[in-house]
Amino acid sequence: MNGIKGASSHSVNKLLGRKGVLWEPESFDRILRSSGDFEFRLSYIVGNPIAAGLAKGPDDYPWAWRESAQPGAAALHNCKNRTFSSGTN
């Protein structure tokens, strides 16, 4: 992870003409222990652009994962009828 953070920090700082820390000192990840946990996290991720006001629904955000682009990956389809809040889930 340090290699990725170091290289990207250098590139971003060069592009912006600045110096300094770009990344937080630690990374954080979660182990998905069940399909329910996966669905919850996916729903949260898909809902972020909606909560931020960048899209009205999952299909309105052009950078969202699409089932047509990921054959057999129906998880986003399962999120289409969910209600996404503007708060933290």
PDB file of N, CA and C in Angstrom:
ATOM      1  N   MET A   1       0.818  -1.187   0.000  1.00  0.00           N
ATOM      2  CA  MET A   1       0.000   0.000   0.000  1.00  0.00           C
ATOM      3  C   MET A   1       0.867   1.259   0.000  1.00  0.00           C
ATOM      4  N   ASN A   2       1.983   1.219   0.698  1.00  0.00           N
ATOM      5  CA  ASN A   2       2.857   2.394   0.744  1.00  0.00           C
ATOM      6  C   ASN A   2       3.371   2.778  -0.639  1.00  0.00           C
ATOM      7  N   GLY A   3       3.643   1.783  -1.478  1.00  0.00           N
ATOM      8  CA  GLY A   3       4.110   2.065  -2.827  1.00  0.00           C
ATOM      9  C   GLY A   3       3.064   2.802  -3.650  1.00  0.00           C
ATOM     10  N   ILE A   4       1.821   2.363  -3.532  1.00  0.00           N
ATOM     11  CA  ILE A   4       0.726   3.012  -4.256  1.00  0.00           C
ATOM     12  C   ILE A   4       0.526   4.429  -3.729  1.00  0.00           C
ATOM     13  N   LYS A   5       0.503   4.565  -2.412  1.00  0.00           N
ATOM     14  CA  LYS A   5       0.292   5.886  -1.815  1.00  0.00           C
ATOM     15  C   LYS A   5       1.448   6.835  -2.155  1.00  0.00           C
ATOM     16  N   GLY A   6       2.676   6.338  -2.104  1.00  0.00           N
ATOM     17  CA  GLY A   6       3.832   7.184  -2.394  1.00  0.00           C
ATOM     18  C   GLY A   6       3.839   7.678  -3.826  1.00  0.00           C
ATOM     19  N   ALA A   7       3.599   6.764  -4.762  1.00  0.00           N
ATOM     20  CA  ALA A   7       3.605   7.132  -6.177  1.00  0.00           C
ATOM     21  C   ALA A   7       2.465   8.085  -6.508  1.00  0.00           C
ATOM     22  N   SER A   8       1.284   7.804  -5.996  1.00  0.00           N
ATOM     23  CA  SER A   8       0.152   8.677  -6.308  1.00  0.00           C
ATOM     24  C   SER A   8       0.296  10.031  -5.618  1.00  0.00           C
ATOM     25  N   SER A   9       0.832  10.065  -4.403  1.00  0.00           N
ATOM     26  CA  SER A   9       1.056  11.339  -3.711  1.00  0.00           C
ATOM     27  C   SER A   9       2.014  12.216  -4.505  1.00  0.00           C
ATOM     28  N   HIS A  10       3.087  11.603  -4.990  1.00  0.00           N
ATOM     29  CA  HIS A  10       4.064  12.353  -5.782  1.00  0.00           C
ATOM     30  C   HIS A  10       3.414  12.928  -7.037  1.00  0.00           C
ATOM     31  N   SER A  11       2.641  12.107  -7.739  1.00  0.00           N
ATOM     32  CA  SER A  11       1.997  12.546  -8.981  1.00  0.00           C
ATOM     33  C   SER A  11       0.974  13.654  -8.733  1.00  0.00           C
ATOM     34  N   VAL A  12       0.138  13.472  -7.716  1.00  0.00           N
ATOM     35  CA  VAL A  12      -0.894  14.475  -7.426  1.00  0.00           C
ATOM     36  C   VAL A  12      -0.253  15.784  -6.987  1.00  0.00           C
ATOM     37  N   ASN A  13       0.721  15.705  -6.085  1.00  0.00           N
ATOM     38  CA  ASN A  13       1.387  16.921  -5.621  1.00  0.00           C
ATOM     39  C   ASN A  13       2.091  17.644  -6.769  1.00  0.00           C
ATOM     40  N   LYS A  14       2.711  16.893  -7.682  1.00  0.00           N
ATOM     41  CA  LYS A  14       3.371  17.504  -8.838  1.00  0.00           C
ATOM     42  C   LYS A  14       2.346  18.194  -9.731  1.00  0.00           C
ATOM     43  N   LEU A  15       1.236  17.512  -9.972  1.00  0.00           N
ATOM     44  CA  LEU A  15       0.170  18.066 -10.805  1.00  0.00           C
ATOM     45  C   LEU A  15      -0.403  19.349 -10.198  1.00  0.00           C
ATOM     46  N   LEU A  16      -0.556  19.361  -8.875  1.00  0.00           N
ATOM     47  CA  LEU A  16      -1.136  20.524  -8.193  1.00  0.00           C
ATOM     48  C   LEU A  16      -0.098  21.568  -7.803  1.00  0.00           C
ATOM     49  N   GLY A  17       1.164  21.261  -8.043  1.00  0.00           N
ATOM     50  CA  GLY A  17       2.229  22.198  -7.703  1.00  0.00           C
ATOM     51  C   GLY A  17       2.351  22.439  -6.208  1.00  0.00           C
ATOM     52  N   ARG A  18       2.236  21.374  -5.435  1.00  0.00           N
ATOM     53  CA  ARG A  18       2.299  21.505  -3.990  1.00  0.00           C
ATOM     54  C   ARG A  18       3.144  20.400  -3.384  1.00  0.00           C
ATOM     55  N   LYS A  19       3.379  20.482  -2.101  1.00  0.00           N
ATOM     56  CA  LYS A  19       4.086  19.454  -1.356  1.00  0.00           C
ATOM     57  C   LYS A  19       3.274  19.140  -0.114  1.00  0.00           C
ATOM     58  N   GLY A  20       3.513  17.986   0.430  1.00  0.00           N
ATOM     59  CA  GLY A  20       2.841  17.663   1.678  1.00  0.00           C
ATOM     60  C   GLY A  20       2.128  16.334   1.634  1.00  0.00           C
ATOM     61  N   VAL A  21       1.494  16.027   2.731  1.00  0.00           N
ATOM     62  CA  VAL A  21       0.801  14.753   2.914  1.00  0.00           C
ATOM     63  C   VAL A  21      -0.504  14.759   2.131  1.00  0.00           C
ATOM     64  N   LEU A  22      -0.760  13.685   1.423  1.00  0.00           N
ATOM     65  CA  LEU A  22      -1.993  13.545   0.663  1.00  0.00           C
ATOM     66  C   LEU A  22      -2.903  12.505   1.305  1.00  0.00           C
ATOM     67  N   TRP A  23      -2.317  11.414   1.786  1.00  0.00           N
ATOM     68  CA  TRP A  23      -3.074  10.286   2.324  1.00  0.00           C
ATOM     69  C   TRP A  23      -3.066  10.282   3.845  1.00  0.00           C
ATOM     70  N   GLU A  24      -4.110   9.693   4.408  1.00  0.00           N
ATOM     71  CA  GLU A  24      -4.144   9.425   5.840  1.00  0.00           C
ATOM     72  C   GLU A  24      -3.059   8.392   6.145  1.00  0.00           C
ATOM     73  N   PRO A  25      -2.540   8.370   7.383  1.00  0.00           N
ATOM     74  CA  PRO A  25      -1.442   7.456   7.695  1.00  0.00           C
ATOM     75  C   PRO A  25      -1.821   5.974   7.682  1.00  0.00           C
ATOM     76  N   GLU A  26      -3.058   5.628   7.859  1.00  0.00           N
ATOM     77  CA  GLU A  26      -3.469   4.218   7.902  1.00  0.00           C
ATOM     78  C   GLU A  26      -4.512   3.939   6.832  1.00  0.00           C
ATOM     79  N   SER A  27      -4.567   2.707   6.386  1.00  0.00           N
ATOM     80  CA  SER A  27      -5.666   2.289   5.530  1.00  0.00           C
ATOM     81  C   SER A  27      -6.623   1.474   6.395  1.00  0.00           C
ATOM     82  N   PHE A  28      -7.839   1.372   5.959  1.00  0.00           N
ATOM     83  CA  PHE A  28      -8.841   0.652   6.734  1.00  0.00           C
ATOM     84  C   PHE A  28      -9.624  -0.233   5.792  1.00  0.00           C
ATOM     85  N   ASP A  29      -9.769  -1.468   6.157  1.00  0.00           N
ATOM     86  CA  ASP A  29     -10.569  -2.360   5.335  1.00  0.00           C
ATOM     87  C   ASP A  29     -11.462  -3.208   6.226  1.00  0.00           C
ATOM     88  N   ARG A  30     -12.404  -3.873   5.614  1.00  0.00           N
ATOM     89  CA  ARG A  30     -13.332  -4.735   6.339  1.00  0.00           C
ATOM     90  C   ARG A  30     -13.374  -6.092   5.653  1.00  0.00           C
ATOM     91  N   ILE A  31     -13.495  -7.113   6.435  1.00  0.00           N
ATOM     92  CA  ILE A  31     -13.686  -8.460   5.907  1.00  0.00           C
ATOM     93  C   ILE A  31     -15.183  -8.675   5.754  1.00  0.00           C
ATOM     94  N   LEU A  32     -15.592  -9.077   4.570  1.00  0.00           N
ATOM     95  CA  LEU A  32     -17.002  -9.372   4.331  1.00  0.00           C
ATOM     96  C   LEU A  32     -17.239 -10.819   4.717  1.00  0.00           C
ATOM     97  N   ARG A  33     -18.008 -11.018   5.756  1.00  0.00           N
ATOM     98  CA  ARG A  33     -18.179 -12.351   6.330  1.00  0.00           C
ATOM     99  C   ARG A  33     -19.425 -13.077   5.852  1.00  0.00           C
ATOM    100  N   SER A  34     -20.322 -12.388   5.187  1.00  0.00           N
ATOM    101  CA  SER A  34     -21.546 -13.037   4.735  1.00  0.00           C
ATOM    102  C   SER A  34     -22.081 -12.316   3.506  1.00  0.00           C
ATOM    103  N   SER A  35     -23.015 -12.941   2.821  1.00  0.00           N
ATOM    104  CA  SER A  35     -23.623 -12.288   1.661  1.00  0.00           C
ATOM    105  C   SER A  35     -24.428 -11.068   2.110  1.00  0.00           C
ATOM    106  N   GLY A  36     -25.009 -11.115   3.311  1.00  0.00           N
ATOM    107  CA  GLY A  36     -25.733  -9.965   3.846  1.00  0.00           C
ATOM    108  C   GLY A  36     -24.804  -8.788   4.082  1.00  0.00           C
ATOM    109  N   ASP A  37     -23.612  -9.063   4.594  1.00  0.00           N
ATOM    110  CA  ASP A  37     -22.623  -8.013   4.816  1.00  0.00           C
ATOM    111  C   ASP A  37     -22.186  -7.419   3.476  1.00  0.00           C
ATOM    112  N   PHE A  38     -21.990  -8.285   2.479  1.00  0.00           N
ATOM    113  CA  PHE A  38     -21.633  -7.827   1.142  1.00  0.00           C
ATOM    114  C   PHE A  38     -22.719  -6.918   0.582  1.00  0.00           C
ATOM    115  N   GLU A  39     -23.982  -7.331   0.683  1.00  0.00           N
ATOM    116  CA  GLU A  39     -25.101  -6.537   0.172  1.00  0.00           C
ATOM    117  C   GLU A  39     -25.179  -5.181   0.872  1.00  0.00           C
ATOM    118  N   PHE A  40     -24.969  -5.158   2.184  1.00  0.00           N
ATOM    119  CA  PHE A  40     -25.002  -3.907   2.939  1.00  0.00           C
ATOM    120  C   PHE A  40     -23.906  -2.961   2.465  1.00  0.00           C
ATOM    121  N   ARG A  41     -22.688  -3.461   2.335  1.00  0.00           N
ATOM    122  CA  ARG A  41     -21.565  -2.618   1.900  1.00  0.00           C
ATOM    123  C   ARG A  41     -21.757  -2.144   0.470  1.00  0.00           C
ATOM    124  N   LEU A  42     -22.226  -3.015  -0.396  1.00  0.00           N
ATOM    125  CA  LEU A  42     -22.473  -2.637  -1.778  1.00  0.00           C
ATOM    126  C   LEU A  42     -23.552  -1.554  -1.851  1.00  0.00           C
ATOM    127  N   SER A  43     -24.595  -1.718  -1.081  1.00  0.00           N
ATOM    128  CA  SER A  43     -25.662  -0.724  -1.047  1.00  0.00           C
ATOM    129  C   SER A  43     -25.124   0.625  -0.586  1.00  0.00           C
ATOM    130  N   TYR A  44     -24.257   0.606   0.400  1.00  0.00           N
ATOM    131  CA  TYR A  44     -23.634   1.839   0.895  1.00  0.00           C
ATOM    132  C   TYR A  44     -22.801   2.507  -0.203  1.00  0.00           C
ATOM    133  N   ILE A  45     -21.978   1.720  -0.892  1.00  0.00           N
ATOM    134  CA  ILE A  45     -21.112   2.262  -1.946  1.00  0.00           C
ATOM    135  C   ILE A  45     -21.942   2.811  -3.097  1.00  0.00           C
ATOM    136  N   VAL A  46     -22.937   2.055  -3.538  1.00  0.00           N
ATOM    137  CA  VAL A  46     -23.785   2.485  -4.641  1.00  0.00           C
ATOM    138  C   VAL A  46     -24.578   3.733  -4.244  1.00  0.00           C
ATOM    139  N   GLY A  47     -24.918   3.852  -2.972  1.00  0.00           N
ATOM    140  CA  GLY A  47     -25.692   4.990  -2.501  1.00  0.00           C
ATOM    141  C   GLY A  47     -24.897   6.266  -2.320  1.00  0.00           C
ATOM    142  N   ASN A  48     -23.573   6.202  -2.271  1.00  0.00           N
ATOM    143  CA  ASN A  48     -22.762   7.399  -2.045  1.00  0.00           C
ATOM    144  C   ASN A  48     -23.012   8.514  -3.066  1.00  0.00           C
ATOM    145  N   PRO A  49     -22.988   8.256  -4.376  1.00  0.00           N
ATOM    146  CA  PRO A  49     -23.246   9.351  -5.321  1.00  0.00           C
ATOM    147  C   PRO A  49     -24.669   9.903  -5.199  1.00  0.00           C
ATOM    148  N   ILE A  50     -25.599   9.066  -4.785  1.00  0.00           N
ATOM    149  CA  ILE A  50     -26.980   9.508  -4.603  1.00  0.00           C
ATOM    150  C   ILE A  50     -27.058  10.420  -3.385  1.00  0.00           C
ATOM    151  N   ALA A  51     -26.447  10.000  -2.287  1.00  0.00           N
ATOM    152  CA  ALA A  51     -26.442  10.806  -1.063  1.00  0.00           C
ATOM    153  C   ALA A  51     -25.722  12.135  -1.268  1.00  0.00           C
ATOM    154  N   ALA A  52     -24.725  12.148  -2.135  1.00  0.00           N
ATOM    155  CA  ALA A  52     -23.965  13.376  -2.401  1.00  0.00           C
ATOM    156  C   ALA A  52     -24.671  14.285  -3.409  1.00  0.00           C
ATOM    157  N   GLY A  53     -25.803  13.836  -3.944  1.00  0.00           N
ATOM    158  CA  GLY A  53     -26.535  14.643  -4.909  1.00  0.00           C
ATOM    159  C   GLY A  53     -25.973  14.582  -6.320  1.00  0.00           C
ATOM    160  N   LEU A  54     -25.127  13.600  -6.595  1.00  0.00           N
ATOM    161  CA  LEU A  54     -24.533  13.461  -7.923  1.00  0.00           C
ATOM    162  C   LEU A  54     -25.399  12.631  -8.864  1.00  0.00           C
ATOM    163  N   ALA A  55     -26.376  11.924  -8.310  1.00  0.00           N
ATOM    164  CA  ALA A  55     -27.261  11.081  -9.106  1.00  0.00           C
ATOM    165  C   ALA A  55     -28.588  10.937  -8.374  1.00  0.00           C
ATOM    166  N   LYS A  56     -29.634  10.689  -9.147  1.00  0.00           N
ATOM    167  CA  LYS A  56     -30.952  10.463  -8.537  1.00  0.00           C
ATOM    168  C   LYS A  56     -31.163   8.998  -8.191  1.00  0.00           C
ATOM    169  N   GLY A  57     -30.451   8.108  -8.861  1.00  0.00           N
ATOM    170  CA  GLY A  57     -30.569   6.678  -8.623  1.00  0.00           C
ATOM    171  C   GLY A  57     -29.317   5.979  -9.098  1.00  0.00           C
ATOM    172  N   PRO A  58     -29.182   4.690  -8.793  1.00  0.00           N
ATOM    173  CA  PRO A  58     -27.969   3.951  -9.164  1.00  0.00           C
ATOM    174  C   PRO A  58     -27.660   3.954 -10.659  1.00  0.00           C
ATOM    175  N   ASP A  59     -28.684   4.005 -11.493  1.00  0.00           N
ATOM    176  CA  ASP A  59     -28.456   3.988 -12.943  1.00  0.00           C
ATOM    177  C   ASP A  59     -28.101   5.352 -13.510  1.00  0.00           C
ATOM    178  N   ASP A  60     -28.212   6.403 -12.700  1.00  0.00           N
ATOM    179  CA  ASP A  60     -27.927   7.759 -13.170  1.00  0.00           C
ATOM    180  C   ASP A  60     -26.467   8.156 -13.007  1.00  0.00           C
ATOM    181  N   TYR A  61     -25.669   7.344 -12.356  1.00  0.00           N
ATOM    182  CA  TYR A  61     -24.274   7.684 -12.109  1.00  0.00           C
ATOM    183  C   TYR A  61     -23.405   6.937 -13.114  1.00  0.00           C
ATOM    184  N   PRO A  62     -22.733   7.650 -14.031  1.00  0.00           N
ATOM    185  CA  PRO A  62     -22.046   6.983 -15.141  1.00  0.00           C
ATOM    186  C   PRO A  62     -20.876   6.090 -14.741  1.00  0.00           C
ATOM    187  N   TRP A  63     -20.324   6.265 -13.539  1.00  0.00           N
ATOM    188  CA  TRP A  63     -19.182   5.451 -13.135  1.00  0.00           C
ATOM    189  C   TRP A  63     -19.584   4.291 -12.242  1.00  0.00           C
ATOM    190  N   ALA A  64     -20.871   4.046 -12.115  1.00  0.00           N
ATOM    191  CA  ALA A  64     -21.352   2.944 -11.282  1.00  0.00           C
ATOM    192  C   ALA A  64     -21.125   1.616 -11.991  1.00  0.00           C
ATOM    193  N   TRP A  65     -20.992   0.594 -11.204  1.00  0.00           N
ATOM    194  CA  TRP A  65     -20.833  -0.766 -11.707  1.00  0.00           C
ATOM    195  C   TRP A  65     -22.132  -1.184 -12.370  1.00  0.00           C
ATOM    196  N   ARG A  66     -22.038  -1.703 -13.551  1.00  0.00           N
ATOM    197  CA  ARG A  66     -23.217  -2.133 -14.291  1.00  0.00           C
ATOM    198  C   ARG A  66     -23.179  -3.637 -14.507  1.00  0.00           C
ATOM    199  N   GLU A  67     -24.325  -4.276 -14.364  1.00  0.00           N
ATOM    200  CA  GLU A  67     -24.410  -5.716 -14.592  1.00  0.00           C
ATOM    201  C   GLU A  67     -24.010  -6.058 -16.027  1.00  0.00           C
ATOM    202  N   SER A  68     -24.350  -5.192 -16.982  1.00  0.00           N
ATOM    203  CA  SER A  68     -24.004  -5.462 -18.382  1.00  0.00           C
ATOM    204  C   SER A  68     -22.493  -5.454 -18.586  1.00  0.00           C
ATOM    205  N   ALA A  69     -21.781  -4.680 -17.770  1.00  0.00           N
ATOM    206  CA  ALA A  69     -20.324  -4.627 -17.875  1.00  0.00           C
ATOM    207  C   ALA A  69     -19.668  -5.747 -17.072  1.00  0.00           C
ATOM    208  N   GLN A  70     -20.388  -6.303 -16.133  1.00  0.00           N
ATOM    209  CA  GLN A  70     -19.892  -7.374 -15.271  1.00  0.00           C
ATOM    210  C   GLN A  70     -20.855  -8.554 -15.373  1.00  0.00           C
ATOM    211  N   PRO A  71     -20.781  -9.365 -16.427  1.00  0.00           N
ATOM    212  CA  PRO A  71     -21.727 -10.473 -16.590  1.00  0.00           C
ATOM    213  C   PRO A  71     -21.783 -11.352 -15.348  1.00  0.00           C
ATOM    214  N   GLY A  72     -22.991 -11.653 -14.951  1.00  0.00           N
ATOM    215  CA  GLY A  72     -23.193 -12.512 -13.794  1.00  0.00           C
ATOM    216  C   GLY A  72     -23.129 -11.775 -12.473  1.00  0.00           C
ATOM    217  N   ALA A  73     -22.839 -10.488 -12.483  1.00  0.00           N
ATOM    218  CA  ALA A  73     -22.732  -9.715 -11.251  1.00  0.00           C
ATOM    219  C   ALA A  73     -24.036  -8.964 -11.038  1.00  0.00           C
ATOM    220  N   ALA A  74     -24.978  -9.596 -10.390  1.00  0.00           N
ATOM    221  CA  ALA A  74     -26.325  -9.032 -10.251  1.00  0.00           C
ATOM    222  C   ALA A  74     -26.501  -8.210  -8.984  1.00  0.00           C
ATOM    223  N   ALA A  75     -25.445  -7.959  -8.235  1.00  0.00           N
ATOM    224  CA  ALA A  75     -25.577  -7.277  -6.951  1.00  0.00           C
ATOM    225  C   ALA A  75     -26.141  -5.874  -7.100  1.00  0.00           C
ATOM    226  N   LEU A  76     -25.717  -5.108  -8.113  1.00  0.00           N
ATOM    227  CA  LEU A  76     -26.244  -3.762  -8.291  1.00  0.00           C
ATOM    228  C   LEU A  76     -27.727  -3.820  -8.603  1.00  0.00           C
ATOM    229  N   HIS A  77     -28.128  -4.784  -9.402  1.00  0.00           N
ATOM    230  CA  HIS A  77     -29.541  -4.947  -9.736  1.00  0.00           C
ATOM    231  C   HIS A  77     -30.372  -5.086  -8.464  1.00  0.00           C
ATOM    232  N   ASN A  78     -29.847  -5.778  -7.471  1.00  0.00           N
ATOM    233  CA  ASN A  78     -30.557  -5.965  -6.220  1.00  0.00           C
ATOM    234  C   ASN A  78     -30.685  -4.672  -5.426  1.00  0.00           C
ATOM    235  N   CYS A  79     -29.871  -3.665  -5.730  1.00  0.00           N
ATOM    236  CA  CYS A  79     -29.890  -2.395  -5.008  1.00  0.00           C
ATOM    237  C   CYS A  79     -30.819  -1.373  -5.657  1.00  0.00           C
ATOM    238  N   LYS A  80     -31.331  -1.653  -6.845  1.00  0.00           N
ATOM    239  CA  LYS A  80     -32.070  -0.638  -7.601  1.00  0.00           C
ATOM    240  C   LYS A  80     -33.295  -0.114  -6.863  1.00  0.00           C
ATOM    241  N   ASN A  81     -33.988  -0.938  -6.134  1.00  0.00           N
ATOM    242  CA  ASN A  81     -35.223  -0.510  -5.488  1.00  0.00           C
ATOM    243  C   ASN A  81     -35.006  -0.090  -4.037  1.00  0.00           C
ATOM    244  N   ARG A  82     -33.792   0.045  -3.617  1.00  0.00           N
ATOM    245  CA  ARG A  82     -33.522   0.457  -2.241  1.00  0.00           C
ATOM    246  C   ARG A  82     -33.590   1.971  -2.127  1.00  0.00           C
ATOM    247  N   THR A  83     -33.888   2.429  -0.931  1.00  0.00           N
ATOM    248  CA  THR A  83     -33.896   3.851  -0.653  1.00  0.00           C
ATOM    249  C   THR A  83     -32.551   4.226  -0.069  1.00  0.00           C
ATOM    250  N   PHE A  84     -31.920   5.236  -0.626  1.00  0.00           N
ATOM    251  CA  PHE A  84     -30.613   5.671  -0.159  1.00  0.00           C
ATOM    252  C   PHE A  84     -30.776   6.989   0.580  1.00  0.00           C
ATOM    253  N   SER A  85     -30.246   7.031   1.765  1.00  0.00           N
ATOM    254  CA  SER A  85     -30.366   8.254   2.567  1.00  0.00           C
ATOM    255  C   SER A  85     -29.174   9.161   2.314  1.00  0.00           C
ATOM    256  N   SER A  86     -29.304  10.410   2.709  1.00  0.00           N
ATOM    257  CA  SER A  86     -28.199  11.351   2.558  1.00  0.00           C
ATOM    258  C   SER A  86     -27.277  11.315   3.767  1.00  0.00           C
ATOM    259  N   GLY A  87     -27.603  10.499   4.745  1.00  0.00           N
ATOM    260  CA  GLY A  87     -26.758  10.383   5.929  1.00  0.00           C
ATOM    261  C   GLY A  87     -25.826   9.211   5.826  1.00  0.00           C
ATOM    262  N   THR A  88     -24.998   9.026   6.824  1.00  0.00           N
ATOM    263  CA  THR A  88     -24.052   7.912   6.867  1.00  0.00           C
ATOM    264  C   THR A  88     -24.798   6.649   7.227  1.00  0.00           C
ATOM    265  N   ASN A  89     -24.537   5.565   6.474  1.00  0.00           N
ATOM    266  CA  ASN A  89     -25.172   4.271   6.756  1.00  0.00           C
ATOM    267  C   ASN A  89     -24.341   3.454   7.681  1.00  0.00           C
TER     268      ASN A  89
END
